[in-house]
Amino acid sequence: MSPWPYKDVRTTVITDVAAMEEVRVFPLSCAVQNYAWGKVGLDSEVAKLVVGGDTSAVIEADKHYAELWMGAHPKGDALIKDNRIAQRTLGQWIADYPACLGSKVKDTFQGQLPFLFKVLSVNTALSIQAHPNRELAGRLHAQFPEHYPDNNHKPEMAVALTHFEGLCGFRPVEEIIGFLKSVPEFHALVGSETAEELVSSRGEAGRTSLALKKCFTRMMNCEKKVFVDQLNMLVKRVTEEAAAGKDTSDSNSELLLRLHSQYPGDIGCFSIYFLNRIVLEPGDAMFLGANEPHAYLNGDCIECMACSDNTVRAGLTPKFIDVNTLCEMLNYSPAPASAKIFPSIQDPSDPFVYLYDPPVPDFTVMRIQVPASVRQYTVAPVDCAGILLVIGGEATGTSAAALSDITLSRGTVLFISANESVSLHITSPSGMTMYRACSLL
């Protein structure tokens, strides 16, 4: 027996700590959120990715799988899947080894990972909402901390994984005026005088914004009985007209009836006459900056956002509604739906990487599309920490910072510390599709 009975334990602890510092690329087990708007069972892209990343995971056929959280958010901190590291969370790891973030990110964001990377699987509409800028977030947090839990802004980027539908930004004024003419129930909520102001403001951007604000605010502040009666009349009318074989597209009837079936009697159903309907195909994106009104309607997407829980809601939700704040803060700049599609740019140094680089420092998203003809590929180092998600394909990964091979397949999530690369030997016949989030300052 050793004269010092605890010697072996001490050696193990020291070895573990050394391994933790050495291992700077590792797989994550990520939190799932089961919100009621999520897709059910294996219809959900979130559920499919969970099973892909962990074959022992059990997916319940009648359970909602709404969001996969890949990051260090305290409400869903990812667990590190590496048996050389004592089981712990990504947030704890970053707190202990902040250098993994890269010096710029570490200094700019006070030693925190500045983004939360997600997959969303949307079955029923999310609320009509917007996110405050930093200044407003600070004020809201100081006044109503129970509703606005932090003082950060919350810009978001959504990149479609499947056919994806949302509302985003105010429509061109001509479209809104068209609905005021063709949907009398909508006109009744806005009011003749306010509607006329919008019509007469055309061609003058400043006046148009003010008139649009007045119209939207007037509708959102209607008495409940008034808008419920008008909504019921509208639903009855378009249902009867459709049954009689009439074209009801000038009432946006398909979307109206869908939202009304999900949120009957909700003022948010009328928002479709103000906001652009955006349709994204896989790889298409939209960026939601501060004060941009939006709602996700249906489909699966990658989302990346700044670390905040500040959301101002005003319809299509059972949650806290703050109509006055929303109406006051919104960006009332009308623009066509096409203007809301955020372009990706091919990386000049890597033809397989497409960058979605929004005008905020908190995050950048990369789509990595490796074709079937390529068998060896290196996930290049960048000077900030990142999270990599495999959407399709298989590979064996090696990295000096992983100390052993990593198997990558659909659903694998890797944390890659700053300035580390991962070499992939691709084994799937159809190449690989991956998404990576980081903060390129």
Protein backbone atom coordinates (compact mmCIF):
# COMPACT_ATOMS: atom_id res chain seq x y z
CA MET A 1 0.00 0.00 0.00
CA SER A 2 1.23 3.47 -0.84
CA PRO A 3 2.57 5.40 2.18
CA TRP A 4 0.42 8.30 1.04
CA PRO A 5 -3.03 6.78 0.43
CA TYR A 6 -4.34 9.82 -1.49
CA LYS A 7 -1.46 10.05 -3.95
CA ASP A 8 -3.32 8.30 -6.80
CA VAL A 9 -6.38 10.49 -6.37
CA ARG A 10 -4.23 13.63 -6.49
CA THR A 11 -2.47 12.42 -9.64
CA THR A 12 -5.84 11.72 -11.30
CA VAL A 13 -7.16 15.19 -10.45
CA ILE A 14 -4.02 16.85 -11.83
CA THR A 15 -4.22 14.72 -14.98
CA ASP A 16 -7.91 15.65 -15.41
CA VAL A 17 -7.17 19.35 -15.07
CA ALA A 18 -4.34 19.04 -17.58
CA ALA A 19 -6.65 17.18 -19.96
CA MET A 20 -9.29 19.86 -19.61
CA GLU A 21 -6.80 22.52 -20.62
CA GLU A 22 -5.45 20.36 -23.46
CA VAL A 23 -8.85 19.29 -24.84
CA ARG A 24 -10.12 22.39 -26.61
CA VAL A 25 -12.39 20.71 -29.16
CA PHE A 26 -15.15 18.49 -27.78
CA PRO A 27 -18.69 17.27 -28.50
CA LEU A 28 -21.70 18.70 -26.65
CA SER A 29 -24.98 17.27 -25.43
CA CYS A 30 -27.47 20.09 -25.89
CA ALA A 31 -30.69 21.14 -24.13
CA VAL A 32 -34.08 20.61 -25.78
CA GLN A 33 -37.04 22.93 -25.13
CA ASN A 34 -40.49 21.39 -25.43
CA TYR A 35 -42.60 24.50 -26.05
CA ALA A 36 -46.20 23.92 -27.20
CA TRP A 37 -45.63 25.60 -30.61
CA GLY A 38 -42.98 23.03 -31.57
CA LYS A 39 -43.36 20.16 -34.04
CA VAL A 40 -44.30 16.81 -32.55
CA GLY A 41 -42.17 13.65 -32.33
CA LEU A 42 -40.02 12.80 -35.33
CA ASP A 43 -41.80 15.39 -37.50
CA SER A 44 -39.47 17.81 -35.70
CA GLU A 45 -36.03 18.54 -37.12
CA VAL A 46 -34.92 19.12 -33.51
CA ALA A 47 -35.97 15.57 -32.57
CA LYS A 48 -34.25 14.10 -35.64
CA LEU A 49 -31.00 15.88 -34.78
CA VAL A 50 -31.21 14.76 -31.13
CA VAL A 51 -31.52 11.12 -32.20
CA GLY A 52 -28.75 11.54 -34.76
CA GLY A 53 -26.42 12.92 -32.11
CA ASP A 54 -27.34 10.31 -29.51
CA THR A 55 -28.79 7.01 -30.69
CA SER A 56 -29.88 6.15 -27.13
CA ALA A 57 -32.15 9.23 -26.98
CA VAL A 58 -35.86 8.43 -26.72
CA ILE A 59 -38.24 10.58 -28.76
CA GLU A 60 -41.85 10.56 -27.57
CA ALA A 61 -44.34 10.48 -30.45
CA ASP A 62 -46.74 13.00 -28.85
CA LYS A 63 -44.19 15.41 -27.35
CA HIS A 64 -43.30 18.85 -28.79
CA TYR A 65 -39.63 19.28 -29.76
CA ALA A 66 -39.43 23.03 -30.37
CA GLU A 67 -35.83 24.16 -29.83
CA LEU A 68 -32.33 22.75 -29.53
CA TRP A 69 -30.06 25.12 -27.58
CA MET A 70 -26.36 24.94 -28.43
CA GLY A 71 -24.48 27.22 -26.07
CA ALA A 72 -23.98 28.27 -22.47
CA HIS A 73 -27.31 29.95 -21.66
CA PRO A 74 -28.08 29.40 -17.95
CA LYS A 75 -31.56 28.04 -18.83
CA GLY A 76 -30.06 25.41 -21.15
CA ASP A 77 -26.30 25.10 -20.66
CA ALA A 78 -24.84 22.34 -22.90
CA LEU A 79 -23.10 19.39 -21.25
CA ILE A 80 -19.60 18.40 -22.37
CA LYS A 81 -19.48 14.88 -23.84
CA ASP A 82 -15.88 13.90 -23.25
CA ASN A 83 -15.05 11.12 -20.80
CA ARG A 84 -11.63 12.64 -20.06
CA ILE A 85 -13.34 15.67 -18.57
CA ALA A 86 -15.39 15.37 -15.38
CA GLN A 87 -19.03 15.90 -16.48
CA ARG A 88 -19.63 19.62 -16.54
CA THR A 89 -21.31 22.29 -18.58
CA LEU A 90 -19.98 24.48 -21.36
CA GLY A 91 -20.70 27.57 -19.23
CA GLN A 92 -18.53 26.23 -16.39
CA TRP A 93 -15.78 25.29 -18.84
CA ILE A 94 -15.71 28.79 -20.36
CA ALA A 95 -15.68 30.36 -16.89
CA ASP A 96 -12.62 28.23 -15.98
CA TYR A 97 -10.83 28.62 -19.33
CA PRO A 98 -11.97 31.98 -20.80
CA ALA A 99 -8.94 32.02 -23.15
CA CYS A 100 -10.85 29.44 -25.24
CA LEU A 101 -13.06 32.33 -26.45
CA GLY A 102 -10.15 34.10 -28.13
CA SER A 103 -8.75 37.35 -26.76
CA LYS A 104 -11.04 39.74 -28.69
CA VAL A 105 -14.27 37.97 -27.72
CA LYS A 106 -13.09 37.43 -24.14
CA ASP A 107 -12.37 41.15 -23.71
CA THR A 108 -15.37 42.50 -25.65
CA PHE A 109 -17.96 40.26 -23.99
CA GLN A 110 -16.48 40.00 -20.46
CA GLY A 111 -15.49 36.34 -20.70
CA GLN A 112 -18.92 35.17 -21.94
CA LEU A 113 -19.90 33.30 -25.11
CA PRO A 114 -21.82 36.16 -26.82
CA PHE A 115 -24.37 34.07 -28.74
CA LEU A 116 -26.85 31.22 -28.42
CA PHE A 117 -27.04 28.88 -31.41
CA LYS A 118 -30.35 27.06 -31.92
CA VAL A 119 -32.42 24.82 -34.14
CA LEU A 120 -36.16 25.64 -34.18
CA SER A 121 -38.97 23.36 -35.38
CA VAL A 122 -42.11 25.49 -35.67
CA ASN A 123 -45.54 23.89 -35.98
CA THR A 124 -47.80 26.76 -34.88
CA ALA A 125 -47.03 30.48 -35.05
CA LEU A 126 -44.82 32.20 -32.51
CA SER A 127 -45.88 35.58 -31.15
CA ILE A 128 -45.85 38.90 -33.01
CA GLN A 129 -42.76 40.36 -31.38
CA ALA A 130 -39.74 42.60 -31.56
CA HIS A 131 -36.53 42.87 -29.59
CA PRO A 132 -35.24 46.10 -28.03
CA ASN A 133 -31.93 47.78 -28.78
CA ARG A 134 -29.43 48.03 -25.91
CA GLU A 135 -30.67 51.42 -24.72
CA LEU A 136 -34.33 50.35 -24.53
CA ALA A 137 -33.37 46.96 -23.05
CA GLY A 138 -31.62 48.78 -20.20
CA ARG A 139 -34.70 50.92 -19.49
CA LEU A 140 -37.16 48.00 -19.70
CA HIS A 141 -34.98 45.83 -17.47
CA ALA A 142 -34.73 48.59 -14.85
CA GLN A 143 -38.51 49.20 -14.87
CA PHE A 144 -39.92 45.68 -15.40
CA PRO A 145 -37.25 43.09 -14.55
CA GLU A 146 -39.90 40.36 -14.21
CA HIS A 147 -40.73 40.73 -17.93
CA TYR A 148 -37.35 41.91 -19.28
CA PRO A 149 -34.74 39.86 -17.39
CA ASP A 150 -31.51 41.43 -18.70
CA ASN A 151 -30.16 44.64 -20.22
CA ASN A 152 -28.87 43.24 -23.51
CA HIS A 153 -30.13 43.60 -27.07
CA LYS A 154 -31.32 40.46 -28.92
CA PRO A 155 -30.62 40.56 -32.65
CA GLU A 156 -31.45 37.23 -34.35
CA MET A 157 -30.64 35.44 -37.60
CA ALA A 158 -32.82 32.64 -38.96
CA VAL A 159 -31.50 30.33 -41.71
CA ALA A 160 -34.02 27.88 -43.19
CA LEU A 161 -33.35 24.14 -42.96
CA THR A 162 -36.70 23.26 -44.57
CA HIS A 163 -39.38 25.35 -46.30
CA PHE A 164 -39.85 28.11 -43.71
CA GLU A 165 -42.45 30.80 -43.32
CA GLY A 166 -42.49 33.95 -41.21
CA LEU A 167 -43.71 37.51 -40.93
CA CYS A 168 -41.09 40.27 -40.98
CA GLY A 169 -41.15 44.04 -41.29
CA PHE A 170 -43.89 46.33 -42.58
CA ARG A 171 -45.17 45.73 -46.09
CA PRO A 172 -44.88 48.37 -48.82
CA VAL A 173 -47.56 51.01 -48.20
CA GLU A 174 -49.38 50.16 -51.45
CA GLU A 175 -49.95 46.60 -50.20
CA ILE A 176 -51.32 47.80 -46.84
CA ILE A 177 -53.62 50.28 -48.61
CA GLY A 178 -54.75 47.43 -50.88
CA PHE A 179 -55.81 45.38 -47.83
CA LEU A 180 -57.55 48.42 -46.28
CA LYS A 181 -59.68 48.53 -49.45
CA SER A 182 -60.31 44.80 -49.87
CA VAL A 183 -60.74 43.81 -46.19
CA PRO A 184 -63.46 46.03 -44.66
CA GLU A 185 -63.05 44.37 -41.24
CA PHE A 186 -59.39 45.43 -41.19
CA HIS A 187 -60.37 48.95 -42.32
CA ALA A 188 -62.88 49.15 -39.43
CA LEU A 189 -60.14 48.52 -36.86
CA VAL A 190 -57.73 51.06 -38.35
CA GLY A 191 -60.44 53.70 -38.83
CA SER A 192 -61.26 55.85 -41.87
CA GLU A 193 -59.39 58.95 -40.76
CA THR A 194 -56.17 57.08 -39.92
CA ALA A 195 -56.39 55.04 -43.13
CA GLU A 196 -56.79 58.27 -45.13
CA GLU A 197 -53.67 59.72 -43.47
CA LEU A 198 -51.69 56.70 -44.68
CA VAL A 199 -53.03 57.07 -48.23
CA SER A 200 -52.17 60.79 -48.38
CA SER A 201 -48.66 60.27 -46.94
CA ARG A 202 -47.40 58.27 -49.91
CA GLY A 203 -44.15 59.56 -51.34
CA GLU A 204 -43.01 61.23 -48.12
CA ALA A 205 -41.02 58.71 -46.05
CA GLY A 206 -41.22 60.61 -42.75
CA ARG A 207 -44.99 61.16 -42.98
CA THR A 208 -45.52 57.58 -44.11
CA SER A 209 -43.71 56.20 -41.05
CA LEU A 210 -45.77 58.36 -38.71
CA ALA A 211 -49.04 57.43 -40.45
CA LEU A 212 -48.12 53.74 -40.40
CA LYS A 213 -47.34 53.96 -36.68
CA LYS A 214 -50.72 55.60 -36.08
CA CYS A 215 -52.56 52.90 -38.09
CA PHE A 216 -50.82 49.98 -36.40
CA THR A 217 -51.15 51.50 -32.90
CA ARG A 218 -54.85 52.22 -33.46
CA MET A 219 -55.50 48.60 -34.48
CA MET A 220 -53.42 47.08 -31.67
CA ASN A 221 -55.27 49.19 -29.07
CA CYS A 222 -58.78 48.29 -30.21
CA GLU A 223 -61.14 47.10 -27.50
CA LYS A 224 -61.21 43.32 -27.36
CA LYS A 225 -64.92 43.01 -28.15
CA VAL A 226 -64.53 45.22 -31.22
CA PHE A 227 -61.64 43.29 -32.78
CA VAL A 228 -63.06 39.86 -31.86
CA ASP A 229 -66.36 40.78 -33.56
CA GLN A 230 -64.55 42.04 -36.67
CA LEU A 231 -62.29 38.96 -36.74
CA ASN A 232 -65.27 36.61 -36.50
CA MET A 233 -67.05 38.51 -39.30
CA LEU A 234 -63.93 38.30 -41.47
CA VAL A 235 -63.40 34.58 -40.86
CA LYS A 236 -67.09 33.87 -41.57
CA ARG A 237 -67.00 35.96 -44.77
CA VAL A 238 -63.87 34.42 -46.29
CA THR A 239 -64.96 30.89 -45.32
CA GLU A 240 -68.31 31.39 -47.06
CA GLU A 241 -66.72 33.04 -50.11
CA ALA A 242 -64.18 30.20 -50.44
CA ALA A 243 -67.00 27.62 -50.16
CA ALA A 244 -68.81 29.44 -52.97
CA GLY A 245 -65.73 29.13 -55.16
CA LYS A 246 -64.67 32.79 -54.96
CA ASP A 247 -61.02 33.88 -55.02
CA THR A 248 -60.27 35.11 -51.49
CA SER A 249 -56.54 35.79 -51.96
CA ASP A 250 -57.10 39.56 -51.65
CA SER A 251 -58.01 38.85 -47.99
CA ASN A 252 -54.85 36.74 -47.47
CA SER A 253 -57.40 34.11 -46.47
CA GLU A 254 -55.25 30.96 -46.28
CA LEU A 255 -52.90 32.50 -43.71
CA LEU A 256 -55.75 34.26 -41.88
CA LEU A 257 -57.70 31.02 -41.37
CA ARG A 258 -54.57 29.14 -40.32
CA LEU A 259 -53.64 31.72 -37.66
CA HIS A 260 -57.24 32.00 -36.47
CA SER A 261 -57.41 28.22 -36.01
CA GLN A 262 -54.25 28.40 -33.87
CA TYR A 263 -55.10 31.60 -31.94
CA PRO A 264 -58.86 32.21 -32.22
CA GLY A 265 -59.93 35.73 -31.32
CA ASP A 266 -56.35 37.08 -31.27
CA ILE A 267 -55.57 40.59 -32.57
CA GLY A 268 -52.35 39.15 -34.05
CA CYS A 269 -54.45 37.57 -36.84
CA PHE A 270 -54.85 41.07 -38.35
CA SER A 271 -51.07 41.68 -38.35
CA ILE A 272 -50.83 39.76 -41.65
CA TYR A 273 -52.23 42.86 -43.39
CA PHE A 274 -49.38 45.02 -42.06
CA LEU A 275 -46.39 42.65 -42.12
CA ASN A 276 -44.59 40.94 -44.99
CA ARG A 277 -45.04 37.20 -45.36
CA ILE A 278 -41.54 35.81 -45.91
CA VAL A 279 -40.91 32.38 -47.44
CA LEU A 280 -37.42 30.92 -47.09
CA GLU A 281 -36.06 27.81 -48.79
CA PRO A 282 -33.13 25.85 -47.26
CA GLY A 283 -30.09 28.13 -47.00
CA ASP A 284 -32.15 31.37 -47.24
CA ALA A 285 -31.93 33.68 -44.22
CA MET A 286 -33.55 36.65 -42.56
CA PHE A 287 -31.91 38.97 -40.03
CA LEU A 288 -34.05 40.45 -37.28
CA GLY A 289 -32.40 43.59 -35.95
CA ALA A 290 -33.63 45.75 -33.08
CA ASN A 291 -37.26 46.94 -33.32
CA GLU A 292 -38.08 44.75 -36.34
CA PRO A 293 -41.60 43.28 -36.02
CA HIS A 294 -41.65 39.57 -36.80
CA ALA A 295 -43.18 36.18 -36.12
CA TYR A 296 -42.14 32.67 -37.16
CA LEU A 297 -45.08 30.78 -38.66
CA ASN A 298 -43.96 27.32 -39.75
CA GLY A 299 -40.91 25.23 -40.67
CA ASP A 300 -37.45 24.38 -39.36
CA CYS A 301 -34.52 26.77 -39.11
CA ILE A 302 -31.12 27.43 -37.63
CA GLU A 303 -31.25 30.47 -35.38
CA CYS A 304 -28.41 32.46 -33.88
CA MET A 305 -29.02 35.26 -31.40
CA ALA A 306 -27.30 37.47 -28.89
CA CYS A 307 -27.57 36.20 -25.32
CA SER A 308 -30.74 37.85 -24.05
CA ASP A 309 -34.29 36.94 -23.08
CA ASN A 310 -35.79 40.34 -23.95
CA THR A 311 -38.87 39.95 -26.14
CA VAL A 312 -41.69 42.49 -26.49
CA ARG A 313 -44.88 40.67 -27.57
CA ALA A 314 -48.25 41.88 -28.78
CA GLY A 315 -50.24 39.01 -30.26
CA LEU A 316 -50.42 35.30 -31.21
CA THR A 317 -49.31 34.37 -27.70
CA PRO A 318 -50.62 33.40 -24.27
CA LYS A 319 -47.56 35.17 -22.74
CA PHE A 320 -47.22 38.70 -21.32
CA ILE A 321 -48.30 41.28 -23.89
CA ASP A 322 -46.83 44.80 -23.90
CA VAL A 323 -48.71 46.59 -26.70
CA ASN A 324 -47.67 50.14 -25.78
CA THR A 325 -43.93 49.35 -25.69
CA LEU A 326 -44.15 47.40 -28.96
CA CYS A 327 -46.07 50.12 -30.83
CA GLU A 328 -43.69 52.80 -29.57
CA MET A 329 -40.45 50.96 -30.42
CA LEU A 330 -41.09 49.47 -33.86
CA ASN A 331 -39.23 50.33 -37.05
CA TYR A 332 -42.02 51.74 -39.26
CA SER A 333 -40.05 51.65 -42.50
CA PRO A 334 -42.09 49.85 -45.16
CA ALA A 335 -40.13 47.57 -47.51
CA PRO A 336 -40.90 44.62 -49.80
CA ALA A 337 -40.55 41.02 -48.59
CA SER A 338 -37.54 40.56 -50.88
CA ALA A 339 -35.65 43.23 -48.92
CA LYS A 340 -35.93 41.09 -45.77
CA ILE A 341 -33.99 38.15 -47.26
CA PHE A 342 -30.46 38.33 -45.82
CA PRO A 343 -27.79 37.31 -48.36
CA SER A 344 -24.97 34.87 -47.71
CA ILE A 345 -21.53 35.59 -49.16
CA GLN A 346 -19.09 32.95 -50.33
CA ASP A 347 -15.93 33.00 -48.21
CA PRO A 348 -13.08 34.12 -50.49
CA SER A 349 -10.66 31.78 -48.69
CA ASP A 350 -12.92 28.66 -48.77
CA PRO A 351 -15.34 27.95 -51.65
CA PHE A 352 -17.40 25.58 -49.45
CA VAL A 353 -18.19 28.24 -46.80
CA TYR A 354 -21.05 30.74 -47.07
CA LEU A 355 -21.07 33.57 -44.51
CA TYR A 356 -24.16 35.16 -43.01
CA ASP A 357 -22.52 38.19 -41.42
CA PRO A 358 -25.06 40.57 -39.84
CA PRO A 359 -24.31 44.17 -38.75
CA VAL A 360 -23.81 43.21 -35.08
CA PRO A 361 -20.64 41.99 -33.32
CA ASP A 362 -22.32 39.19 -31.34
CA PHE A 363 -22.40 36.47 -34.00
CA THR A 364 -21.76 35.31 -37.55
CA VAL A 365 -23.21 32.11 -39.03
CA MET A 366 -21.41 29.97 -41.62
CA ARG A 367 -22.97 27.32 -43.84
CA ILE A 368 -20.35 24.72 -44.78
CA GLN A 369 -21.40 22.69 -47.82
CA VAL A 370 -18.76 20.08 -48.70
CA PRO A 371 -19.53 18.35 -52.04
CA ALA A 372 -19.53 14.58 -52.57
CA SER A 373 -16.29 14.76 -54.58
CA VAL A 374 -14.30 15.98 -51.54
CA ARG A 375 -13.04 13.41 -49.02
CA GLN A 376 -10.68 15.53 -46.89
CA TYR A 377 -11.80 18.87 -45.49
CA THR A 378 -10.48 21.13 -42.75
CA VAL A 379 -12.79 23.23 -40.60
CA ALA A 380 -10.48 26.25 -40.56
CA PRO A 381 -9.34 27.98 -37.37
CA VAL A 382 -10.79 31.40 -36.54
CA ASP A 383 -9.73 33.73 -33.74
CA CYS A 384 -12.89 33.11 -31.69
CA ALA A 385 -14.71 30.15 -30.18
CA GLY A 386 -17.40 28.52 -32.28
CA ILE A 387 -20.07 25.84 -32.25
CA LEU A 388 -20.40 23.45 -35.18
CA LEU A 389 -23.59 21.50 -35.99
CA VAL A 390 -23.69 18.64 -38.50
CA ILE A 391 -26.94 18.67 -40.52
CA GLY A 392 -26.00 15.89 -42.94
CA GLY A 393 -23.15 13.51 -43.72
CA GLU A 394 -20.56 11.54 -41.74
CA ALA A 395 -16.88 12.00 -41.06
CA THR A 396 -14.06 11.16 -38.69
CA GLY A 397 -12.57 14.29 -37.20
CA THR A 398 -9.06 14.80 -35.86
CA SER A 399 -7.67 17.83 -34.07
CA ALA A 400 -4.55 18.50 -32.05
CA ALA A 401 -6.95 20.03 -29.53
CA ALA A 402 -9.17 16.92 -29.26
CA LEU A 403 -6.44 14.34 -28.42
CA SER A 404 -8.46 11.56 -30.05
CA ASP A 405 -10.68 11.00 -33.08
CA ILE A 406 -14.22 12.40 -33.07
CA THR A 407 -17.04 10.73 -34.99
CA LEU A 408 -19.26 13.27 -36.73
CA SER A 409 -22.73 12.49 -38.06
CA ARG A 410 -26.13 14.19 -38.38
CA GLY A 411 -26.85 15.87 -35.03
CA THR A 412 -23.23 16.05 -33.79
CA VAL A 413 -22.50 19.35 -32.03
CA LEU A 414 -18.86 20.39 -31.47
CA PHE A 415 -17.39 23.21 -29.43
CA ILE A 416 -14.24 24.49 -31.16
CA SER A 417 -12.01 26.81 -29.15
CA ALA A 418 -10.44 29.88 -30.75
CA ASN A 419 -7.59 29.21 -33.23
CA GLU A 420 -8.27 25.44 -33.41
CA SER A 421 -8.96 23.49 -36.59
CA VAL A 422 -10.65 20.13 -37.18
CA SER A 423 -9.57 17.87 -40.07
CA LEU A 424 -12.40 15.76 -41.46
CA HIS A 425 -12.12 12.47 -43.32
CA ILE A 426 -15.56 12.33 -44.94
CA THR A 427 -17.07 8.85 -45.17
CA SER A 428 -20.60 9.62 -46.42
CA PRO A 429 -21.13 9.35 -50.20
CA SER A 430 -23.07 12.64 -50.50
CA GLY A 431 -20.67 15.11 -48.85
CA MET A 432 -21.51 17.10 -45.70
CA THR A 433 -23.66 20.03 -44.63
CA MET A 434 -22.71 21.86 -41.43
CA TYR A 435 -23.51 25.16 -39.75
CA ARG A 436 -21.06 27.02 -37.55
CA ALA A 437 -21.68 29.99 -35.25
CA CYS A 438 -18.94 32.28 -33.98
CA SER A 439 -18.21 35.94 -33.31
CA LEU A 440 -15.90 37.41 -35.94
CA LEU A 441 -14.89 40.74 -34.44
